[in-house]
Amino acid sequence: MAFKMKKAGVKQIISELNKASKLHKGQAKKLSKMVKSSPMKGSISGPCKTAAKRKFKVWPSAYASGWGVRCTRAGGPSKMGKSKK
């Protein structure tokens, strides 16, 4: 999706599409799959968010948020920048 929607809003659209014709039921199935595998489920961990706020002057910013996501994926601020061997 090109824009962010609340999960409840998407579920309401899916239920309305299910009530419509067969063509729209196919669209509803595709939307429900997208909602289940949505990348918006994850978030930045608390310690990484705090470390990003200390590291960058502006929060939220694209750079700080990106750093926070990478930090969360790495396993925490203590493991940032260390290569896996």
C-alpha atoms as a PDB file:
ATOM      1  CA  MET A   1       0.000   0.000   0.000  1.00  0.00           C
ATOM      2  CA  ALA A   2       1.235   3.444  -0.831  1.00  0.00           C
ATOM      3  CA  PHE A   3      -0.136   4.941   2.367  1.00  0.00           C
ATOM      4  CA  LYS A   4      -0.523   3.859   5.959  1.00  0.00           C
ATOM      5  CA  MET A   5      -3.922   2.791   7.239  1.00  0.00           C
ATOM      6  CA  LYS A   6      -5.057   1.594  10.602  1.00  0.00           C
ATOM      7  CA  LYS A   7      -5.468  -2.170  10.774  1.00  0.00           C
ATOM      8  CA  ALA A   8      -9.116  -1.805  11.842  1.00  0.00           C
ATOM      9  CA  GLY A   9      -9.853   0.304   8.749  1.00  0.00           C
ATOM     10  CA  VAL A  10      -8.338  -2.300   6.463  1.00  0.00           C
ATOM     11  CA  LYS A  11     -10.315  -5.066   8.159  1.00  0.00           C
ATOM     12  CA  GLN A  12     -13.523  -3.081   7.628  1.00  0.00           C
ATOM     13  CA  ILE A  13     -12.722  -2.721   3.924  1.00  0.00           C
ATOM     14  CA  ILE A  14     -12.037  -6.465   3.705  1.00  0.00           C
ATOM     15  CA  SER A  15     -15.403  -7.300   5.280  1.00  0.00           C
ATOM     16  CA  GLU A  16     -17.202  -4.951   2.856  1.00  0.00           C
ATOM     17  CA  LEU A  17     -15.389  -6.498  -0.118  1.00  0.00           C
ATOM     18  CA  ASN A  18     -16.381  -9.993   1.050  1.00  0.00           C
ATOM     19  CA  LYS A  19     -20.042  -8.971   0.914  1.00  0.00           C
ATOM     20  CA  ALA A  20     -19.671  -7.772  -2.692  1.00  0.00           C
ATOM     21  CA  SER A  21     -19.319  -9.740  -5.928  1.00  0.00           C
ATOM     22  CA  LYS A  22     -16.891 -12.596  -6.636  1.00  0.00           C
ATOM     23  CA  LEU A  23     -14.355 -10.222  -8.153  1.00  0.00           C
ATOM     24  CA  HIS A  24     -14.184  -8.220  -4.952  1.00  0.00           C
ATOM     25  CA  LYS A  25     -13.859 -11.361  -2.824  1.00  0.00           C
ATOM     26  CA  GLY A  26     -10.572 -12.060  -4.598  1.00  0.00           C
ATOM     27  CA  GLN A  27      -9.397  -8.571  -3.718  1.00  0.00           C
ATOM     28  CA  ALA A  28     -10.442  -9.150  -0.104  1.00  0.00           C
ATOM     29  CA  LYS A  29      -8.340 -12.340   0.045  1.00  0.00           C
ATOM     30  CA  LYS A  30      -5.296 -10.481  -1.282  1.00  0.00           C
ATOM     31  CA  LEU A  31      -5.772  -7.691   1.265  1.00  0.00           C
ATOM     32  CA  SER A  32      -6.146 -10.111   4.166  1.00  0.00           C
ATOM     33  CA  LYS A  33      -2.874 -11.822   3.174  1.00  0.00           C
ATOM     34  CA  MET A  34      -1.161  -8.438   3.089  1.00  0.00           C
ATOM     35  CA  VAL A  35      -2.479  -7.548   6.553  1.00  0.00           C
ATOM     36  CA  LYS A  36      -1.241 -10.819   8.041  1.00  0.00           C
ATOM     37  CA  SER A  37       2.273 -10.386   6.650  1.00  0.00           C
ATOM     38  CA  SER A  38       2.487  -6.652   7.243  1.00  0.00           C
ATOM     39  CA  PRO A  39       5.937  -5.193   7.961  1.00  0.00           C
ATOM     40  CA  MET A  40       4.348  -2.620  10.262  1.00  0.00           C
ATOM     41  CA  LYS A  41       4.093  -5.202  13.058  1.00  0.00           C
ATOM     42  CA  GLY A  42       7.647  -4.687  14.299  1.00  0.00           C
ATOM     43  CA  SER A  43       8.917  -1.654  16.097  1.00  0.00           C
ATOM     44  CA  ILE A  44      12.120  -0.191  17.440  1.00  0.00           C
ATOM     45  CA  SER A  45      13.134  -1.622  20.801  1.00  0.00           C
ATOM     46  CA  GLY A  46      13.302   0.682  23.824  1.00  0.00           C
ATOM     47  CA  PRO A  47      17.069   0.570  24.364  1.00  0.00           C
ATOM     48  CA  CYS A  48      17.721   1.201  20.665  1.00  0.00           C
ATOM     49  CA  LYS A  49      15.290   4.103  20.625  1.00  0.00           C
ATOM     50  CA  THR A  50      17.031   5.657  23.622  1.00  0.00           C
ATOM     51  CA  ALA A  51      20.450   5.169  22.021  1.00  0.00           C
ATOM     52  CA  ALA A  52      19.218   6.749  18.768  1.00  0.00           C
ATOM     53  CA  LYS A  53      17.870   9.751  20.687  1.00  0.00           C
ATOM     54  CA  ARG A  54      21.293  10.207  22.291  1.00  0.00           C
ATOM     55  CA  LYS A  55      23.147   9.786  18.987  1.00  0.00           C
ATOM     56  CA  PHE A  56      21.014  12.087  16.788  1.00  0.00           C
ATOM     57  CA  LYS A  57      19.880  15.659  17.505  1.00  0.00           C
ATOM     58  CA  VAL A  58      16.418  15.249  15.944  1.00  0.00           C
ATOM     59  CA  TRP A  59      14.006  12.471  16.868  1.00  0.00           C
ATOM     60  CA  PRO A  60      12.069  11.279  14.938  1.00  0.00           C
ATOM     61  CA  SER A  61      14.045  11.616  11.745  1.00  0.00           C
ATOM     62  CA  ALA A  62      14.686   9.228   8.881  1.00  0.00           C
ATOM     63  CA  TYR A  63      18.331   8.761   9.869  1.00  0.00           C
ATOM     64  CA  ALA A  64      17.570   8.161  13.552  1.00  0.00           C
ATOM     65  CA  SER A  65      14.700   5.778  12.802  1.00  0.00           C
ATOM     66  CA  GLY A  66      16.791   3.826  10.311  1.00  0.00           C
ATOM     67  CA  TRP A  67      19.601   3.536  12.831  1.00  0.00           C
ATOM     68  CA  GLY A  68      17.103   2.364  15.460  1.00  0.00           C
ATOM     69  CA  VAL A  69      15.742  -0.349  13.179  1.00  0.00           C
ATOM     70  CA  ARG A  70      19.239  -1.582  12.328  1.00  0.00           C
ATOM     71  CA  CYS A  71      20.090  -1.548  16.030  1.00  0.00           C
ATOM     72  CA  THR A  72      17.007  -3.624  16.849  1.00  0.00           C
ATOM     73  CA  ARG A  73      17.844  -6.136  14.114  1.00  0.00           C
ATOM     74  CA  ALA A  74      21.441  -6.375  15.343  1.00  0.00           C
ATOM     75  CA  GLY A  75      20.238  -7.332  18.825  1.00  0.00           C
ATOM     76  CA  GLY A  76      20.709  -4.129  20.769  1.00  0.00           C
ATOM     77  CA  PRO A  77      22.906  -1.050  21.063  1.00  0.00           C
ATOM     78  CA  SER A  78      25.820  -3.001  22.509  1.00  0.00           C
ATOM     79  CA  LYS A  79      26.019  -5.160  19.377  1.00  0.00           C
ATOM     80  CA  MET A  80      25.812  -2.303  16.852  1.00  0.00           C
ATOM     81  CA  GLY A  81      28.784  -2.030  14.509  1.00  0.00           C
ATOM     82  CA  LYS A  82      30.308  -5.361  15.532  1.00  0.00           C
ATOM     83  CA  SER A  83      30.722  -7.797  12.664  1.00  0.00           C
ATOM     84  CA  LYS A  84      29.535 -11.384  12.932  1.00  0.00           C
ATOM     85  CA  LYS A  85      32.412 -13.863  12.690  1.00  0.00           C
END
